[in-house]
C-alpha atoms as a PDB file:
ATOM      1  CA  MET A   1      40.479 121.106 100.061  1.00  0.00           C
ATOM      2  CA  MET A   2      43.083 119.189 102.093  1.00  0.00           C
ATOM      3  CA  PHE A   3      43.263 115.402 102.374  1.00  0.00           C
ATOM      4  CA  MET A   4      44.073 112.633 104.834  1.00  0.00           C
ATOM      5  CA  ARG A   5      43.856 108.936 104.049  1.00  0.00           C
ATOM      6  CA  ILE A   6      42.390 105.705 105.374  1.00  0.00           C
ATOM      7  CA  ILE A   7      45.248 103.632 106.758  1.00  0.00           C
ATOM      8  CA  SER A   8      43.987 100.052 106.651  1.00  0.00           C
ATOM      9  CA  GLY A   9      41.065  97.798 105.791  1.00  0.00           C
ATOM     10  CA  LYS A  10      38.691  97.728 102.851  1.00  0.00           C
ATOM     11  CA  HIS A  11      39.073 101.477 102.178  1.00  0.00           C
ATOM     12  CA  LYS A  12      42.868 101.564 102.602  1.00  0.00           C
ATOM     13  CA  GLY A  13      44.401 104.509 100.755  1.00  0.00           C
ATOM     14  CA  ARG A  14      41.080 106.285 100.138  1.00  0.00           C
ATOM     15  CA  ARG A  15      41.130 110.015 100.762  1.00  0.00           C
ATOM     16  CA  ILE A  16      39.287 111.749 103.579  1.00  0.00           C
ATOM     17  CA  GLU A  17      38.466 115.295 102.539  1.00  0.00           C
ATOM     18  CA  VAL A  18      39.091 118.193 104.909  1.00  0.00           C
ATOM     19  CA  SER A  19      37.403 121.489 104.037  1.00  0.00           C
ATOM     20  CA  ARG A  20      39.521 124.584 104.652  1.00  0.00           C
ATOM     21  CA  GLU A  21      36.338 126.366 105.749  1.00  0.00           C
ATOM     22  CA  MET A  22      36.008 124.125 108.811  1.00  0.00           C
ATOM     23  CA  GLY A  23      37.642 126.676 111.110  1.00  0.00           C
ATOM     24  CA  ASP A  24      39.285 125.223 114.200  1.00  0.00           C
ATOM     25  CA  ILE A  25      39.185 121.572 113.117  1.00  0.00           C
ATOM     26  CA  ARG A  26      42.560 119.981 113.830  1.00  0.00           C
ATOM     27  CA  PRO A  27      42.705 116.552 112.178  1.00  0.00           C
ATOM     28  CA  THR A  28      44.796 113.918 113.925  1.00  0.00           C
ATOM     29  CA  SER A  29      47.833 113.087 111.792  1.00  0.00           C
ATOM     30  CA  ASP A  30      47.828 109.861 109.778  1.00  0.00           C
ATOM     31  CA  PHE A  31      50.824 108.736 111.863  1.00  0.00           C
ATOM     32  CA  ALA A  32      49.053 109.238 115.215  1.00  0.00           C
ATOM     33  CA  ARG A  33      45.810 107.700 113.908  1.00  0.00           C
ATOM     34  CA  GLU A  34      47.717 104.637 112.668  1.00  0.00           C
ATOM     35  CA  ALA A  35      49.415 104.307 116.070  1.00  0.00           C
ATOM     36  CA  ILE A  36      46.041 104.540 117.843  1.00  0.00           C
ATOM     37  CA  PHE A  37      44.536 101.802 115.694  1.00  0.00           C
ATOM     38  CA  ASN A  38      47.623  99.617 116.182  1.00  0.00           C
ATOM     39  CA  ILE A  39      47.276  99.994 119.967  1.00  0.00           C
ATOM     40  CA  LEU A  40      43.572  99.205 119.747  1.00  0.00           C
ATOM     41  CA  THR A  41      44.150  96.169 117.546  1.00  0.00           C
ATOM     42  CA  HIS A  42      47.230  94.671 119.190  1.00  0.00           C
ATOM     43  CA  GLY A  43      47.568  96.205 122.657  1.00  0.00           C
ATOM     44  CA  LYS A  44      46.402  94.403 125.777  1.00  0.00           C
ATOM     45  CA  SER A  45      44.536  97.542 126.875  1.00  0.00           C
ATOM     46  CA  GLY A  46      42.756  97.821 123.525  1.00  0.00           C
ATOM     47  CA  LEU A  47      40.728  95.139 121.798  1.00  0.00           C
ATOM     48  CA  ASN A  48      43.297  92.591 123.001  1.00  0.00           C
ATOM     49  CA  GLY A  49      43.680  90.819 119.667  1.00  0.00           C
ATOM     50  CA  HIS A  50      40.015  91.089 118.696  1.00  0.00           C
ATOM     51  CA  THR A  51      38.887  92.785 115.504  1.00  0.00           C
ATOM     52  CA  PHE A  52      36.584  95.725 114.894  1.00  0.00           C
ATOM     53  CA  THR A  53      33.986  93.349 113.428  1.00  0.00           C
ATOM     54  CA  ASP A  54      30.538  93.867 114.980  1.00  0.00           C
ATOM     55  CA  LYS A  55      31.780  96.782 117.115  1.00  0.00           C
ATOM     56  CA  ARG A  56      29.610  99.848 117.633  1.00  0.00           C
ATOM     57  CA  VAL A  57      31.754 102.995 117.399  1.00  0.00           C
ATOM     58  CA  LEU A  58      31.040 106.558 118.529  1.00  0.00           C
ATOM     59  CA  ASP A  59      33.127 109.348 116.975  1.00  0.00           C
ATOM     60  CA  VAL A  60      32.610 112.377 119.259  1.00  0.00           C
ATOM     61  CA  PHE A  61      33.900 115.766 118.045  1.00  0.00           C
ATOM     62  CA  CYS A  62      33.997 113.907 114.714  1.00  0.00           C
ATOM     63  CA  GLY A  63      35.378 116.716 112.554  1.00  0.00           C
ATOM     64  CA  THR A  64      36.119 115.030 109.219  1.00  0.00           C
ATOM     65  CA  GLY A  65      34.954 111.633 110.489  1.00  0.00           C
ATOM     66  CA  ALA A  66      38.449 110.135 110.160  1.00  0.00           C
ATOM     67  CA  PHE A  67      38.305 107.946 113.281  1.00  0.00           C
ATOM     68  CA  GLY A  68      34.867 106.557 112.496  1.00  0.00           C
ATOM     69  CA  LEU A  69      35.708 105.989 108.835  1.00  0.00           C
ATOM     70  CA  GLU A  70      38.894 104.148 109.799  1.00  0.00           C
ATOM     71  CA  ALA A  71      36.832 101.918 112.117  1.00  0.00           C
ATOM     72  CA  LEU A  72      34.312 101.222 109.323  1.00  0.00           C
ATOM     73  CA  SER A  73      37.167 100.387 106.966  1.00  0.00           C
ATOM     74  CA  ARG A  74      38.371  97.832 109.516  1.00  0.00           C
ATOM     75  CA  GLY A  75      34.954  96.181 109.837  1.00  0.00           C
ATOM     76  CA  ALA A  76      33.014  98.089 112.509  1.00  0.00           C
ATOM     77  CA  ALA A  77      29.291  97.330 112.350  1.00  0.00           C
ATOM     78  CA  LYS A  78      28.028 100.857 112.957  1.00  0.00           C
ATOM     79  CA  VAL A  79      29.484 104.312 113.583  1.00  0.00           C
ATOM     80  CA  THR A  80      27.673 107.305 115.005  1.00  0.00           C
ATOM     81  CA  PHE A  81      29.338 110.640 114.240  1.00  0.00           C
ATOM     82  CA  VAL A  82      28.691 113.415 116.785  1.00  0.00           C
ATOM     83  CA  ASP A  83      29.607 117.088 116.538  1.00  0.00           C
ATOM     84  CA  LYS A  84      27.959 120.388 117.406  1.00  0.00           C
ATOM     85  CA  SER A  85      29.293 121.950 114.195  1.00  0.00           C
ATOM     86  CA  ARG A  86      26.993 121.665 111.178  1.00  0.00           C
ATOM     87  CA  GLU A  87      30.047 121.964 108.909  1.00  0.00           C
ATOM     88  CA  ALA A  88      31.766 119.033 110.639  1.00  0.00           C
ATOM     89  CA  ILE A  89      28.660 116.834 110.367  1.00  0.00           C
ATOM     90  CA  ALA A  90      28.337 117.794 106.678  1.00  0.00           C
ATOM     91  CA  ILE A  91      31.966 116.876 105.848  1.00  0.00           C
ATOM     92  CA  ALA A  92      31.761 113.628 107.869  1.00  0.00           C
ATOM     93  CA  LYS A  93      28.565 112.733 105.987  1.00  0.00           C
ATOM     94  CA  HIS A  94      30.197 113.645 102.657  1.00  0.00           C
ATOM     95  CA  ASN A  95      33.237 111.440 103.406  1.00  0.00           C
ATOM     96  CA  THR A  96      30.981 108.575 104.519  1.00  0.00           C
ATOM     97  CA  GLU A  97      28.959 108.808 101.295  1.00  0.00           C
ATOM     98  CA  ARG A  98      32.146 108.872  99.185  1.00  0.00           C
ATOM     99  CA  MET A  99      33.056 105.504 100.739  1.00  0.00           C
ATOM    100  CA  HIS A 100      29.514 104.147 100.301  1.00  0.00           C
ATOM    101  CA  GLU A 101      29.166 103.561 104.064  1.00  0.00           C
ATOM    102  CA  GLU A 102      25.978 105.562 104.652  1.00  0.00           C
ATOM    103  CA  GLN A 103      24.007 102.444 105.659  1.00  0.00           C
ATOM    104  CA  ASN A 104      26.533 101.855 108.493  1.00  0.00           C
ATOM    105  CA  ALA A 105      26.568 105.426 109.786  1.00  0.00           C
ATOM    106  CA  ASP A 106      24.399 107.768 111.828  1.00  0.00           C
ATOM    107  CA  PHE A 107      24.988 111.487 112.359  1.00  0.00           C
ATOM    108  CA  MET A 108      24.072 113.499 115.416  1.00  0.00           C
ATOM    109  CA  LEU A 109      24.264 117.284 115.674  1.00  0.00           C
ATOM    110  CA  ALA A 110      24.720 117.610 119.438  1.00  0.00           C
ATOM    111  CA  ASP A 111      26.777 119.139 122.219  1.00  0.00           C
ATOM    112  CA  ALA A 112      28.929 116.323 123.616  1.00  0.00           C
ATOM    113  CA  VAL A 113      28.642 117.543 127.197  1.00  0.00           C
ATOM    114  CA  ARG A 114      24.819 117.405 127.018  1.00  0.00           C
ATOM    115  CA  LEU A 115      24.126 114.186 125.152  1.00  0.00           C
ATOM    116  CA  PRO A 116      20.625 112.716 125.200  1.00  0.00           C
ATOM    117  CA  ARG A 117      19.995 109.210 126.546  1.00  0.00           C
ATOM    118  CA  ALA A 118      21.693 106.616 124.289  1.00  0.00           C
ATOM    119  CA  ARG A 119      19.640 104.156 122.257  1.00  0.00           C
ATOM    120  CA  ALA A 120      22.530 101.688 122.441  1.00  0.00           C
ATOM    121  CA  ALA A 121      25.892 101.382 124.202  1.00  0.00           C
ATOM    122  CA  TYR A 122      29.138 101.708 122.241  1.00  0.00           C
ATOM    123  CA  ASP A 123      32.205  99.452 122.338  1.00  0.00           C
ATOM    124  CA  LEU A 124      34.666 102.078 121.158  1.00  0.00           C
ATOM    125  CA  ILE A 125      34.405 105.836 121.657  1.00  0.00           C
ATOM    126  CA  PHE A 126      36.769 108.416 120.160  1.00  0.00           C
ATOM    127  CA  LEU A 127      37.029 111.819 121.886  1.00  0.00           C
ATOM    128  CA  ASP A 128      39.064 114.370 119.971  1.00  0.00           C
ATOM    129  CA  PRO A 129      37.891 117.814 121.134  1.00  0.00           C
ATOM    130  CA  PRO A 130      39.731 121.035 120.312  1.00  0.00           C
ATOM    131  CA  TYR A 131      42.919 121.308 122.369  1.00  0.00           C
ATOM    132  CA  PHE A 132      42.660 123.311 125.629  1.00  0.00           C
ATOM    133  CA  SER A 133      38.845 123.213 125.509  1.00  0.00           C
ATOM    134  CA  ASP A 134      38.458 121.276 128.797  1.00  0.00           C
ATOM    135  CA  LEU A 135      35.758 119.155 127.170  1.00  0.00           C
ATOM    136  CA  ILE A 136      37.055 115.616 127.803  1.00  0.00           C
ATOM    137  CA  VAL A 137      35.972 115.327 131.457  1.00  0.00           C
ATOM    138  CA  PRO A 138      32.412 116.690 131.040  1.00  0.00           C
ATOM    139  CA  THR A 139      32.015 114.592 127.886  1.00  0.00           C
ATOM    140  CA  LEU A 140      33.053 111.425 129.739  1.00  0.00           C
ATOM    141  CA  GLN A 141      30.498 112.271 132.436  1.00  0.00           C
ATOM    142  CA  SER A 142      27.815 112.880 129.801  1.00  0.00           C
ATOM    143  CA  LEU A 143      28.622 109.565 128.084  1.00  0.00           C
ATOM    144  CA  LYS A 144      28.431 107.654 131.369  1.00  0.00           C
ATOM    145  CA  SER A 145      25.212 109.235 132.642  1.00  0.00           C
ATOM    146  CA  GLY A 146      23.554 108.808 129.227  1.00  0.00           C
ATOM    147  CA  GLY A 147      24.354 105.095 128.948  1.00  0.00           C
ATOM    148  CA  TRP A 148      26.604 105.472 125.896  1.00  0.00           C
ATOM    149  CA  ILE A 149      29.477 103.291 127.172  1.00  0.00           C
ATOM    150  CA  ALA A 150      29.305  99.487 126.813  1.00  0.00           C
ATOM    151  CA  GLU A 151      30.379  97.410 129.818  1.00  0.00           C
ATOM    152  CA  ASP A 152      33.851  96.741 128.373  1.00  0.00           C
ATOM    153  CA  GLY A 153      33.873  99.930 126.305  1.00  0.00           C
ATOM    154  CA  ILE A 154      37.135 101.655 125.424  1.00  0.00           C
ATOM    155  CA  MET A 155      37.379 105.422 125.167  1.00  0.00           C
ATOM    156  CA  VAL A 156      40.244 106.977 123.225  1.00  0.00           C
ATOM    157  CA  ALA A 157      40.879 110.594 124.212  1.00  0.00           C
ATOM    158  CA  GLU A 158      43.333 112.923 122.490  1.00  0.00           C
ATOM    159  CA  HIS A 159      44.637 116.087 124.118  1.00  0.00           C
ATOM    160  CA  ASP A 160      47.635 118.394 124.005  1.00  0.00           C
ATOM    161  CA  ALA A 161      50.709 117.341 126.014  1.00  0.00           C
ATOM    162  CA  LYS A 162      50.484 120.607 127.986  1.00  0.00           C
ATOM    163  CA  GLU A 163      46.931 119.821 129.111  1.00  0.00           C
ATOM    164  CA  ALA A 164      46.540 117.993 132.420  1.00  0.00           C
ATOM    165  CA  LEU A 165      43.721 115.453 132.324  1.00  0.00           C
ATOM    166  CA  ALA A 166      42.277 114.435 135.694  1.00  0.00           C
ATOM    167  CA  LEU A 167      39.718 111.745 134.955  1.00  0.00           C
ATOM    168  CA  PRO A 168      36.385 111.882 136.767  1.00  0.00           C
ATOM    169  CA  GLU A 169      35.460 109.267 139.351  1.00  0.00           C
ATOM    170  CA  GLY A 170      34.591 105.903 137.853  1.00  0.00           C
ATOM    171  CA  PHE A 171      37.104 106.149 134.985  1.00  0.00           C
ATOM    172  CA  GLU A 172      40.686 104.924 134.701  1.00  0.00           C
ATOM    173  CA  ALA A 173      43.433 105.419 132.124  1.00  0.00           C
ATOM    174  CA  VAL A 174      44.741 102.026 131.009  1.00  0.00           C
ATOM    175  CA  ASP A 175      47.291 103.237 128.462  1.00  0.00           C
ATOM    176  CA  GLU A 176      48.874 106.547 127.481  1.00  0.00           C
ATOM    177  CA  ARG A 177      51.093 107.431 124.503  1.00  0.00           C
ATOM    178  CA  ARG A 178      52.578 110.641 123.183  1.00  0.00           C
ATOM    179  CA  TYR A 179      52.986 111.550 119.490  1.00  0.00           C
ATOM    180  CA  GLY A 180      54.543 114.989 119.139  1.00  0.00           C
ATOM    181  CA  ARG A 181      52.255 117.323 121.046  1.00  0.00           C
ATOM    182  CA  ALA A 182      49.354 114.858 120.976  1.00  0.00           C
ATOM    183  CA  VAL A 183      48.720 112.633 123.994  1.00  0.00           C
ATOM    184  CA  ILE A 184      46.475 109.620 123.438  1.00  0.00           C
ATOM    185  CA  GLU A 185      44.833 108.018 126.467  1.00  0.00           C
ATOM    186  CA  LEU A 186      42.875 104.773 126.487  1.00  0.00           C
ATOM    187  CA  ILE A 187      40.220 104.999 129.181  1.00  0.00           C
ATOM    188  CA  LYS A 188      37.819 102.445 130.636  1.00  0.00           C
ATOM    189  CA  LEU A 189      35.128 102.447 133.256  1.00  0.00           C
ATOM    190  CA  ARG A 190      36.548 101.328 136.586  1.00  0.00           C
ATOM    191  CA  GLY A 191      35.353  97.982 137.982  1.00  0.00           C
END
């Protein structure tokens, strides 16, 4: 078993377990995750000084659940974890239970490019698919057509620096940062 940690909030320092049997799961480094949450918290393209309190968060390609758990630690109202891997959903659920956040979490075993109609729109959406999978664009389209994105919703997409990301119509990148080989893009719906 490998470990990452929660960076800030009520669960600061708590471990997030990563099963070695999870195959191609590539957890975002603590450093990059901390930078992402700093941009979201303090950047003008992020929450613009607002907190995570009362925010609905969607963690797509959730893997260990690190992004969603970090958001819960910082006060998010609800997180829905989505992955098509049963192992990923199981470890995300396990980590959520270890932090006693089950009442604030939902889990969905689903293919991100074929999401069902949303029951509610989300303020913050994390997209961290496997590198070079070409899943960001069809996932954005699936999120938009399914009504998953709140009017002022922010999408955070991570991809490899060698991957070119051409956003579909109706989306715009409002911030981009690079951390080693990871590129983080903040994306919003246009107009």
